[in-house]
């Protein structure tokens, strides 16, 4: 699931009086060159194809585990260079 989905799940758990903890396991990351579709003459950008799983645990009162979900994670993270560091500019399906 994209980051927005994970944040929505955390917010929903908070409103239900629970707390939620997502954890990711990346099985494979591949750096790729991403062409600019709007400007084919521009140099390609840098992307990271990330594959793995997201585990989402929800706990309630007394810190007992109230729920557990696991799903496949597959995203293409597009990076930009800013101040000498690469930042995630956007993410989408691979």
PDB file of N, CA and C in Angstrom:
ATOM      1  N   UNK A   1       0.824  -1.190   0.000  1.00  0.00           N
ATOM      2  CA  UNK A   1       0.000   0.000   0.000  1.00  0.00           C
ATOM      3  C   UNK A   1       0.867   1.252   0.000  1.00  0.00           C
ATOM      4  N   UNK A   2       0.413   2.293  -0.646  1.00  0.00           N
ATOM      5  CA  UNK A   2       1.194   3.526  -0.630  1.00  0.00           C
ATOM      6  C   UNK A   2       1.187   4.155   0.750  1.00  0.00           C
ATOM      7  N   UNK A   3       2.051   5.127   0.931  1.00  0.00           N
ATOM      8  CA  UNK A   3       2.199   5.785   2.228  1.00  0.00           C
ATOM      9  C   UNK A   3       0.881   6.366   2.723  1.00  0.00           C
ATOM     10  N   UNK A   4       0.082   6.973   1.842  1.00  0.00           N
ATOM     11  CA  UNK A   4      -1.201   7.544   2.257  1.00  0.00           C
ATOM     12  C   UNK A   4      -2.106   6.490   2.892  1.00  0.00           C
ATOM     13  N   UNK A   5      -2.111   5.292   2.332  1.00  0.00           N
ATOM     14  CA  UNK A   5      -2.936   4.207   2.864  1.00  0.00           C
ATOM     15  C   UNK A   5      -2.478   3.820   4.275  1.00  0.00           C
ATOM     16  N   UNK A   6      -1.167   3.739   4.463  1.00  0.00           N
ATOM     17  CA  UNK A   6      -0.631   3.392   5.777  1.00  0.00           C
ATOM     18  C   UNK A   6      -0.989   4.475   6.795  1.00  0.00           C
ATOM     19  N   UNK A   7      -0.839   5.740   6.403  1.00  0.00           N
ATOM     20  CA  UNK A   7      -1.173   6.833   7.315  1.00  0.00           C
ATOM     21  C   UNK A   7      -2.665   6.841   7.649  1.00  0.00           C
ATOM     22  N   UNK A   8      -3.523   6.514   6.687  1.00  0.00           N
ATOM     23  CA  UNK A   8      -4.964   6.434   6.949  1.00  0.00           C
ATOM     24  C   UNK A   8      -5.291   5.329   7.950  1.00  0.00           C
ATOM     25  N   UNK A   9      -4.604   4.185   7.847  1.00  0.00           N
ATOM     26  CA  UNK A   9      -4.825   3.087   8.779  1.00  0.00           C
ATOM     27  C   UNK A   9      -4.391   3.479  10.194  1.00  0.00           C
ATOM     28  N   UNK A  10      -3.268   4.190  10.301  1.00  0.00           N
ATOM     29  CA  UNK A  10      -2.801   4.645  11.614  1.00  0.00           C
ATOM     30  C   UNK A  10      -3.812   5.613  12.219  1.00  0.00           C
ATOM     31  N   UNK A  11      -4.315   6.549  11.398  1.00  0.00           N
ATOM     32  CA  UNK A  11      -5.291   7.525  11.880  1.00  0.00           C
ATOM     33  C   UNK A  11      -6.591   6.853  12.319  1.00  0.00           C
ATOM     34  N   UNK A  12      -7.055   5.874  11.548  1.00  0.00           N
ATOM     35  CA  UNK A  12      -8.289   5.158  11.906  1.00  0.00           C
ATOM     36  C   UNK A  12      -8.118   4.416  13.224  1.00  0.00           C
ATOM     37  N   UNK A  13      -6.966   3.803  13.443  1.00  0.00           N
ATOM     38  CA  UNK A  13      -6.712   3.090  14.698  1.00  0.00           C
ATOM     39  C   UNK A  13      -6.689   4.065  15.873  1.00  0.00           C
ATOM     40  N   UNK A  14      -6.088   5.237  15.657  1.00  0.00           N
ATOM     41  CA  UNK A  14      -6.031   6.246  16.729  1.00  0.00           C
ATOM     42  C   UNK A  14      -7.435   6.677  17.133  1.00  0.00           C
ATOM     43  N   UNK A  15      -8.316   6.890  16.154  1.00  0.00           N
ATOM     44  CA  UNK A  15      -9.691   7.292  16.455  1.00  0.00           C
ATOM     45  C   UNK A  15     -10.470   6.180  17.149  1.00  0.00           C
ATOM     46  N   UNK A  16     -10.053   4.950  16.990  1.00  0.00           N
ATOM     47  CA  UNK A  16     -10.709   3.821  17.636  1.00  0.00           C
ATOM     48  C   UNK A  16     -10.108   3.528  19.014  1.00  0.00           C
ATOM     49  N   UNK A  17      -9.190   4.398  19.476  1.00  0.00           N
ATOM     50  CA  UNK A  17      -8.576   4.197  20.791  1.00  0.00           C
ATOM     51  C   UNK A  17      -7.488   3.146  20.777  1.00  0.00           C
ATOM     52  N   UNK A  18      -6.927   2.896  19.625  1.00  0.00           N
ATOM     53  CA  UNK A  18      -5.859   1.912  19.492  1.00  0.00           C
ATOM     54  C   UNK A  18      -4.618   2.617  18.953  1.00  0.00           C
ATOM     55  N   UNK A  19      -3.517   1.894  18.912  1.00  0.00           N
ATOM     56  CA  UNK A  19      -2.366   2.422  18.208  1.00  0.00           C
ATOM     57  C   UNK A  19      -1.904   1.377  17.213  1.00  0.00           C
ATOM     58  N   UNK A  20      -1.375   1.867  16.106  1.00  0.00           N
ATOM     59  CA  UNK A  20      -1.004   0.988  14.996  1.00  0.00           C
ATOM     60  C   UNK A  20       0.465   1.172  14.661  1.00  0.00           C
ATOM     61  N   UNK A  21       1.135   0.067  14.361  1.00  0.00           N
ATOM     62  CA  UNK A  21       2.560   0.100  14.037  1.00  0.00           C
ATOM     63  C   UNK A  21       2.791  -0.636  12.726  1.00  0.00           C
ATOM     64  N   UNK A  22       3.137   0.115  11.666  1.00  0.00           N
ATOM     65  CA  UNK A  22       3.482  -0.547  10.413  1.00  0.00           C
ATOM     66  C   UNK A  22       4.976  -0.877  10.402  1.00  0.00           C
ATOM     67  N   UNK A  23       5.344  -1.975   9.793  1.00  0.00           N
ATOM     68  CA  UNK A  23       6.752  -2.297   9.577  1.00  0.00           C
ATOM     69  C   UNK A  23       6.895  -2.862   8.175  1.00  0.00           C
ATOM     70  N   UNK A  24       7.981  -2.499   7.531  1.00  0.00           N
ATOM     71  CA  UNK A  24       8.223  -2.927   6.150  1.00  0.00           C
ATOM     72  C   UNK A  24       9.439  -3.828   6.093  1.00  0.00           C
ATOM     73  N   UNK A  25       9.363  -4.821   5.253  1.00  0.00           N
ATOM     74  CA  UNK A  25      10.508  -5.674   4.959  1.00  0.00           C
ATOM     75  C   UNK A  25      10.719  -5.599   3.462  1.00  0.00           C
ATOM     76  N   UNK A  26      11.866  -5.077   3.054  1.00  0.00           N
ATOM     77  CA  UNK A  26      12.178  -4.974   1.644  1.00  0.00           C
ATOM     78  C   UNK A  26      13.006  -6.181   1.226  1.00  0.00           C
ATOM     79  N   UNK A  27      12.454  -6.956   0.310  1.00  0.00           N
ATOM     80  CA  UNK A  27      13.149  -8.136  -0.193  1.00  0.00           C
ATOM     81  C   UNK A  27      14.067  -7.800  -1.358  1.00  0.00           C
ATOM     82  N   UNK A  28      13.693  -6.723  -2.095  1.00  0.00           N
ATOM     83  CA  UNK A  28      14.488  -6.351  -3.263  1.00  0.00           C
ATOM     84  C   UNK A  28      14.323  -4.861  -3.526  1.00  0.00           C
ATOM     85  N   UNK A  29      15.433  -4.189  -3.778  1.00  0.00           N
ATOM     86  CA  UNK A  29      15.415  -2.802  -4.229  1.00  0.00           C
ATOM     87  C   UNK A  29      16.331  -2.705  -5.438  1.00  0.00           C
ATOM     88  N   UNK A  30      15.842  -2.052  -6.482  1.00  0.00           N
ATOM     89  CA  UNK A  30      16.604  -1.926  -7.722  1.00  0.00           C
ATOM     90  C   UNK A  30      16.597  -0.464  -8.150  1.00  0.00           C
ATOM     91  N   UNK A  31      17.779   0.110  -8.354  1.00  0.00           N
ATOM     92  CA  UNK A  31      17.887   1.481  -8.843  1.00  0.00           C
ATOM     93  C   UNK A  31      17.699   1.456 -10.352  1.00  0.00           C
ATOM     94  N   UNK A  32      16.816   2.338 -10.855  1.00  0.00           N
ATOM     95  CA  UNK A  32      16.510   2.374 -12.288  1.00  0.00           C
ATOM     96  C   UNK A  32      16.554   3.821 -12.789  1.00  0.00           C
ATOM     97  N   UNK A  33      16.817   3.981 -14.083  1.00  0.00           N
ATOM     98  CA  UNK A  33      16.720   5.289 -14.726  1.00  0.00           C
ATOM     99  C   UNK A  33      15.301   5.443 -15.245  1.00  0.00           C
ATOM    100  N   UNK A  34      14.691   6.590 -14.964  1.00  0.00           N
ATOM    101  CA  UNK A  34      13.302   6.828 -15.313  1.00  0.00           C
ATOM    102  C   UNK A  34      13.245   7.966 -16.338  1.00  0.00           C
ATOM    103  N   UNK A  35      12.797   7.667 -17.576  1.00  0.00           N
ATOM    104  CA  UNK A  35      12.729   8.729 -18.581  1.00  0.00           C
ATOM    105  C   UNK A  35      11.645   9.751 -18.256  1.00  0.00           C
ATOM    106  N   UNK A  36      11.875  10.991 -18.672  1.00  0.00           N
ATOM    107  CA  UNK A  36      10.879  12.055 -18.510  1.00  0.00           C
ATOM    108  C   UNK A  36       9.934  11.961 -19.704  1.00  0.00           C
ATOM    109  N   UNK A  37       8.715  11.496 -19.473  1.00  0.00           N
ATOM    110  CA  UNK A  37       7.762  11.288 -20.569  1.00  0.00           C
ATOM    111  C   UNK A  37       7.313  12.594 -21.208  1.00  0.00           C
ATOM    112  N   UNK A  38       7.314  13.681 -20.420  1.00  0.00           N
ATOM    113  CA  UNK A  38       6.883  14.973 -20.952  1.00  0.00           C
ATOM    114  C   UNK A  38       7.981  15.659 -21.758  1.00  0.00           C
ATOM    115  N   UNK A  39       9.228  15.350 -21.445  1.00  0.00           N
ATOM    116  CA  UNK A  39      10.359  15.950 -22.139  1.00  0.00           C
ATOM    117  C   UNK A  39      11.388  14.863 -22.448  1.00  0.00           C
ATOM    118  N   UNK A  40      11.237  14.159 -23.577  1.00  0.00           N
ATOM    119  CA  UNK A  40      12.123  13.043 -23.903  1.00  0.00           C
ATOM    120  C   UNK A  40      13.593  13.430 -24.047  1.00  0.00           C
ATOM    121  N   UNK A  41      13.897  14.714 -24.265  1.00  0.00           N
ATOM    122  CA  UNK A  41      15.282  15.151 -24.419  1.00  0.00           C
ATOM    123  C   UNK A  41      15.960  15.419 -23.066  1.00  0.00           C
ATOM    124  N   UNK A  42      15.191  15.452 -21.994  1.00  0.00           N
ATOM    125  CA  UNK A  42      15.752  15.703 -20.653  1.00  0.00           C
ATOM    126  C   UNK A  42      16.496  14.463 -20.164  1.00  0.00           C
ATOM    127  N   UNK A  43      17.496  14.659 -19.313  1.00  0.00           N
ATOM    128  CA  UNK A  43      18.172  13.487 -18.754  1.00  0.00           C
ATOM    129  C   UNK A  43      17.201  12.680 -17.892  1.00  0.00           C
ATOM    130  N   UNK A  44      17.408  11.382 -17.811  1.00  0.00           N
ATOM    131  CA  UNK A  44      16.491  10.560 -17.010  1.00  0.00           C
ATOM    132  C   UNK A  44      16.629  10.863 -15.522  1.00  0.00           C
ATOM    133  N   UNK A  45      15.541  10.603 -14.810  1.00  0.00           N
ATOM    134  CA  UNK A  45      15.559  10.714 -13.362  1.00  0.00           C
ATOM    135  C   UNK A  45      15.997   9.392 -12.753  1.00  0.00           C
ATOM    136  N   UNK A  46      16.108   9.387 -11.452  1.00  0.00           N
ATOM    137  CA  UNK A  46      16.498   8.171 -10.732  1.00  0.00           C
ATOM    138  C   UNK A  46      15.308   7.675  -9.941  1.00  0.00           C
ATOM    139  N   UNK A  47      15.057   6.384 -10.043  1.00  0.00           N
ATOM    140  CA  UNK A  47      13.984   5.756  -9.300  1.00  0.00           C
ATOM    141  C   UNK A  47      14.493   4.522  -8.573  1.00  0.00           C
ATOM    142  N   UNK A  48      13.731   4.086  -7.597  1.00  0.00           N
ATOM    143  CA  UNK A  48      14.051   2.851  -6.879  1.00  0.00           C
ATOM    144  C   UNK A  48      12.805   1.977  -6.898  1.00  0.00           C
ATOM    145  N   UNK A  49      12.924   0.808  -7.504  1.00  0.00           N
ATOM    146  CA  UNK A  49      11.847  -0.181  -7.540  1.00  0.00           C
ATOM    147  C   UNK A  49      11.979  -1.005  -6.260  1.00  0.00           C
ATOM    148  N   UNK A  50      10.980  -0.887  -5.376  1.00  0.00           N
ATOM    149  CA  UNK A  50      11.038  -1.521  -4.056  1.00  0.00           C
ATOM    150  C   UNK A  50       9.979  -2.614  -3.980  1.00  0.00           C
ATOM    151  N   UNK A  51      10.387  -3.816  -3.562  1.00  0.00           N
ATOM    152  CA  UNK A  51       9.469  -4.956  -3.408  1.00  0.00           C
ATOM    153  C   UNK A  51       9.649  -5.559  -2.025  1.00  0.00           C
ATOM    154  N   UNK A  52       8.539  -5.975  -1.427  1.00  0.00           N
ATOM    155  CA  UNK A  52       8.607  -6.599  -0.116  1.00  0.00           C
ATOM    156  C   UNK A  52       7.233  -6.769   0.481  1.00  0.00           C
ATOM    157  N   UNK A  53       7.152  -6.668   1.815  1.00  0.00           N
ATOM    158  CA  UNK A  53       5.881  -6.807   2.518  1.00  0.00           C
ATOM    159  C   UNK A  53       5.745  -5.706   3.563  1.00  0.00           C
ATOM    160  N   UNK A  54       4.486  -5.352   3.853  1.00  0.00           N
ATOM    161  CA  UNK A  54       4.167  -4.431   4.939  1.00  0.00           C
ATOM    162  C   UNK A  54       3.361  -5.215   5.957  1.00  0.00           C
ATOM    163  N   UNK A  55       3.788  -5.158   7.201  1.00  0.00           N
ATOM    164  CA  UNK A  55       3.075  -5.806   8.292  1.00  0.00           C
ATOM    165  C   UNK A  55       2.509  -4.698   9.158  1.00  0.00           C
ATOM    166  N   UNK A  56       1.230  -4.794   9.467  1.00  0.00           N
ATOM    167  CA  UNK A  56       0.532  -3.737  10.189  1.00  0.00           C
ATOM    168  C   UNK A  56      -0.098  -4.340  11.436  1.00  0.00           C
ATOM    169  N   UNK A  57       0.453  -3.999  12.608  1.00  0.00           N
ATOM    170  CA  UNK A  57      -0.065  -4.510  13.880  1.00  0.00           C
ATOM    171  C   UNK A  57      -0.822  -3.409  14.606  1.00  0.00           C
ATOM    172  N   UNK A  58      -1.991  -3.750  15.129  1.00  0.00           N
ATOM    173  CA  UNK A  58      -2.819  -2.813  15.883  1.00  0.00           C
ATOM    174  C   UNK A  58      -2.979  -3.341  17.295  1.00  0.00           C
ATOM    175  N   UNK A  59      -2.796  -2.452  18.285  1.00  0.00           N
ATOM    176  CA  UNK A  59      -2.944  -2.838  19.690  1.00  0.00           C
ATOM    177  C   UNK A  59      -3.964  -1.935  20.346  1.00  0.00           C
ATOM    178  N   UNK A  60      -4.645  -2.498  21.332  1.00  0.00           N
ATOM    179  CA  UNK A  60      -5.673  -1.746  22.048  1.00  0.00           C
ATOM    180  C   UNK A  60      -5.278  -1.497  23.478  1.00  0.00           C
ATOM    181  N   UNK A  61      -6.282  -1.381  24.356  1.00  0.00           N
ATOM    182  CA  UNK A  61      -6.035  -1.151  25.772  1.00  0.00           C
ATOM    183  C   UNK A  61      -5.197  -2.281  26.349  1.00  0.00           C
ATOM    184  N   UNK A  62      -4.329  -1.937  27.262  1.00  0.00           N
ATOM    185  CA  UNK A  62      -3.481  -2.954  27.878  1.00  0.00           C
ATOM    186  C   UNK A  62      -2.389  -3.448  26.941  1.00  0.00           C
ATOM    187  N   UNK A  63      -2.229  -2.808  25.805  1.00  0.00           N
ATOM    188  CA  UNK A  63      -1.196  -3.144  24.828  1.00  0.00           C
ATOM    189  C   UNK A  63      -1.322  -4.562  24.287  1.00  0.00           C
ATOM    190  N   UNK A  64      -2.544  -5.111  24.319  1.00  0.00           N
ATOM    191  CA  UNK A  64      -2.777  -6.427  23.715  1.00  0.00           C
ATOM    192  C   UNK A  64      -2.901  -6.242  22.209  1.00  0.00           C
ATOM    193  N   UNK A  65      -2.422  -7.203  21.485  1.00  0.00           N
ATOM    194  CA  UNK A  65      -2.502  -7.150  20.025  1.00  0.00           C
ATOM    195  C   UNK A  65      -3.944  -7.342  19.591  1.00  0.00           C
ATOM    196  N   UNK A  66      -4.497  -6.334  18.911  1.00  0.00           N
ATOM    197  CA  UNK A  66      -5.897  -6.386  18.499  1.00  0.00           C
ATOM    198  C   UNK A  66      -6.057  -6.815  17.050  1.00  0.00           C
ATOM    199  N   UNK A  67      -5.030  -6.628  16.241  1.00  0.00           N
ATOM    200  CA  UNK A  67      -5.147  -6.993  14.839  1.00  0.00           C
ATOM    201  C   UNK A  67      -3.795  -7.100  14.173  1.00  0.00           C
ATOM    202  N   UNK A  68      -3.777  -7.839  13.079  1.00  0.00           N
ATOM    203  CA  UNK A  68      -2.545  -8.050  12.325  1.00  0.00           C
ATOM    204  C   UNK A  68      -2.906  -8.205  10.855  1.00  0.00           C
ATOM    205  N   UNK A  69      -2.256  -7.437  10.014  1.00  0.00           N
ATOM    206  CA  UNK A  69      -2.439  -7.548   8.571  1.00  0.00           C
ATOM    207  C   UNK A  69      -1.076  -7.579   7.911  1.00  0.00           C
ATOM    208  N   UNK A  70      -0.992  -8.302   6.823  1.00  0.00           N
ATOM    209  CA  UNK A  70       0.243  -8.315   6.039  1.00  0.00           C
ATOM    210  C   UNK A  70      -0.141  -8.230   4.574  1.00  0.00           C
ATOM    211  N   UNK A  71       0.586  -7.406   3.833  1.00  0.00           N
ATOM    212  CA  UNK A  71       0.298  -7.283   2.412  1.00  0.00           C
ATOM    213  C   UNK A  71       1.586  -7.083   1.629  1.00  0.00           C
ATOM    214  N   UNK A  72       1.492  -7.310   0.341  1.00  0.00           N
ATOM    215  CA  UNK A  72       2.628  -7.149  -0.548  1.00  0.00           C
ATOM    216  C   UNK A  72       2.897  -5.672  -0.779  1.00  0.00           C
ATOM    217  N   UNK A  73       4.164  -5.310  -0.831  1.00  0.00           N
ATOM    218  CA  UNK A  73       4.566  -3.935  -1.089  1.00  0.00           C
ATOM    219  C   UNK A  73       5.355  -3.916  -2.395  1.00  0.00           C
ATOM    220  N   UNK A  74       4.890  -3.134  -3.348  1.00  0.00           N
ATOM    221  CA  UNK A  74       5.582  -2.977  -4.626  1.00  0.00           C
ATOM    222  C   UNK A  74       5.373  -1.539  -5.082  1.00  0.00           C
ATOM    223  N   UNK A  75       6.410  -0.726  -5.007  1.00  0.00           N
ATOM    224  CA  UNK A  75       6.309   0.689  -5.351  1.00  0.00           C
ATOM    225  C   UNK A  75       7.527   1.142  -6.138  1.00  0.00           C
ATOM    226  N   UNK A  76       7.329   2.166  -6.957  1.00  0.00           N
ATOM    227  CA  UNK A  76       8.428   2.846  -7.636  1.00  0.00           C
ATOM    228  C   UNK A  76       8.575   4.200  -6.967  1.00  0.00           C
ATOM    229  N   UNK A  77       9.710   4.422  -6.317  1.00  0.00           N
ATOM    230  CA  UNK A  77       9.980   5.682  -5.639  1.00  0.00           C
ATOM    231  C   UNK A  77      10.823   6.551  -6.570  1.00  0.00           C
ATOM    232  N   UNK A  78      10.328   7.733  -6.910  1.00  0.00           N
ATOM    233  CA  UNK A  78      11.073   8.655  -7.752  1.00  0.00           C
ATOM    234  C   UNK A  78      11.843   9.620  -6.862  1.00  0.00           C
ATOM    235  N   UNK A  79      13.137   9.775  -7.131  1.00  0.00           N
ATOM    236  CA  UNK A  79      14.021  10.555  -6.283  1.00  0.00           C
ATOM    237  C   UNK A  79      14.424  11.860  -6.943  1.00  0.00           C
ATOM    238  N   UNK A  80      14.690  12.875  -6.129  1.00  0.00           N
ATOM    239  CA  UNK A  80      15.249  14.145  -6.598  1.00  0.00           C
ATOM    240  C   UNK A  80      16.445  14.491  -5.722  1.00  0.00           C
ATOM    241  N   UNK A  81      17.431  15.133  -6.335  1.00  0.00           N
ATOM    242  CA  UNK A  81      18.616  15.568  -5.605  1.00  0.00           C
ATOM    243  C   UNK A  81      18.347  16.962  -5.039  1.00  0.00           C
ATOM    244  N   UNK A  82      18.467  17.097  -3.726  1.00  0.00           N
ATOM    245  CA  UNK A  82      18.231  18.385  -3.065  1.00  0.00           C
ATOM    246  C   UNK A  82      19.257  18.560  -1.950  1.00  0.00           C
ATOM    247  N   UNK A  83      20.078  19.571  -2.070  1.00  0.00           N
ATOM    248  CA  UNK A  83      21.072  19.841  -1.031  1.00  0.00           C
ATOM    249  C   UNK A  83      22.069  18.723  -0.830  1.00  0.00           C
ATOM    250  N   UNK A  84      22.406  18.016  -1.889  1.00  0.00           N
ATOM    251  CA  UNK A  84      23.377  16.930  -1.787  1.00  0.00           C
ATOM    252  C   UNK A  84      22.806  15.608  -1.300  1.00  0.00           C
ATOM    253  N   UNK A  85      21.478  15.533  -1.138  1.00  0.00           N
ATOM    254  CA  UNK A  85      20.825  14.310  -0.685  1.00  0.00           C
ATOM    255  C   UNK A  85      19.678  13.966  -1.618  1.00  0.00           C
ATOM    256  N   UNK A  86      19.413  12.682  -1.791  1.00  0.00           N
ATOM    257  CA  UNK A  86      18.267  12.270  -2.591  1.00  0.00           C
ATOM    258  C   UNK A  86      17.031  12.158  -1.692  1.00  0.00           C
ATOM    259  N   UNK A  87      15.933  12.772  -2.139  1.00  0.00           N
ATOM    260  CA  UNK A  87      14.674  12.740  -1.410  1.00  0.00           C
ATOM    261  C   UNK A  87      13.634  12.035  -2.267  1.00  0.00           C
ATOM    262  N   UNK A  88      12.672  11.392  -1.634  1.00  0.00           N
ATOM    263  CA  UNK A  88      11.575  10.759  -2.374  1.00  0.00           C
ATOM    264  C   UNK A  88      10.612  11.870  -2.795  1.00  0.00           C
ATOM    265  N   UNK A  89      10.498  12.057  -4.117  1.00  0.00           N
ATOM    266  CA  UNK A  89       9.614  13.095  -4.660  1.00  0.00           C
ATOM    267  C   UNK A  89       8.201  12.564  -4.838  1.00  0.00           C
ATOM    268  N   UNK A  90       8.076  11.311  -5.217  1.00  0.00           N
ATOM    269  CA  UNK A  90       6.768  10.699  -5.393  1.00  0.00           C
ATOM    270  C   UNK A  90       6.915   9.196  -5.397  1.00  0.00           C
ATOM    271  N   UNK A  91       5.791   8.530  -5.243  1.00  0.00           N
ATOM    272  CA  UNK A  91       5.801   7.077  -5.369  1.00  0.00           C
ATOM    273  C   UNK A  91       4.570   6.663  -6.148  1.00  0.00           C
ATOM    274  N   UNK A  92       4.671   5.524  -6.772  1.00  0.00           N
ATOM    275  CA  UNK A  92       3.571   5.007  -7.571  1.00  0.00           C
ATOM    276  C   UNK A  92       3.777   3.528  -7.824  1.00  0.00           C
ATOM    277  N   UNK A  93       2.881   2.945  -8.577  1.00  0.00           N
ATOM    278  CA  UNK A  93       3.041   1.517  -8.890  1.00  0.00           C
ATOM    279  C   UNK A  93       4.262   1.323  -9.777  1.00  0.00           C
ATOM    280  N   UNK A  94       4.885   0.164  -9.670  1.00  0.00           N
ATOM    281  CA  UNK A  94       6.089  -0.103 -10.492  1.00  0.00           C
ATOM    282  C   UNK A  94       5.758  -0.195 -11.975  1.00  0.00           C
TER     283      UNK A  94
END
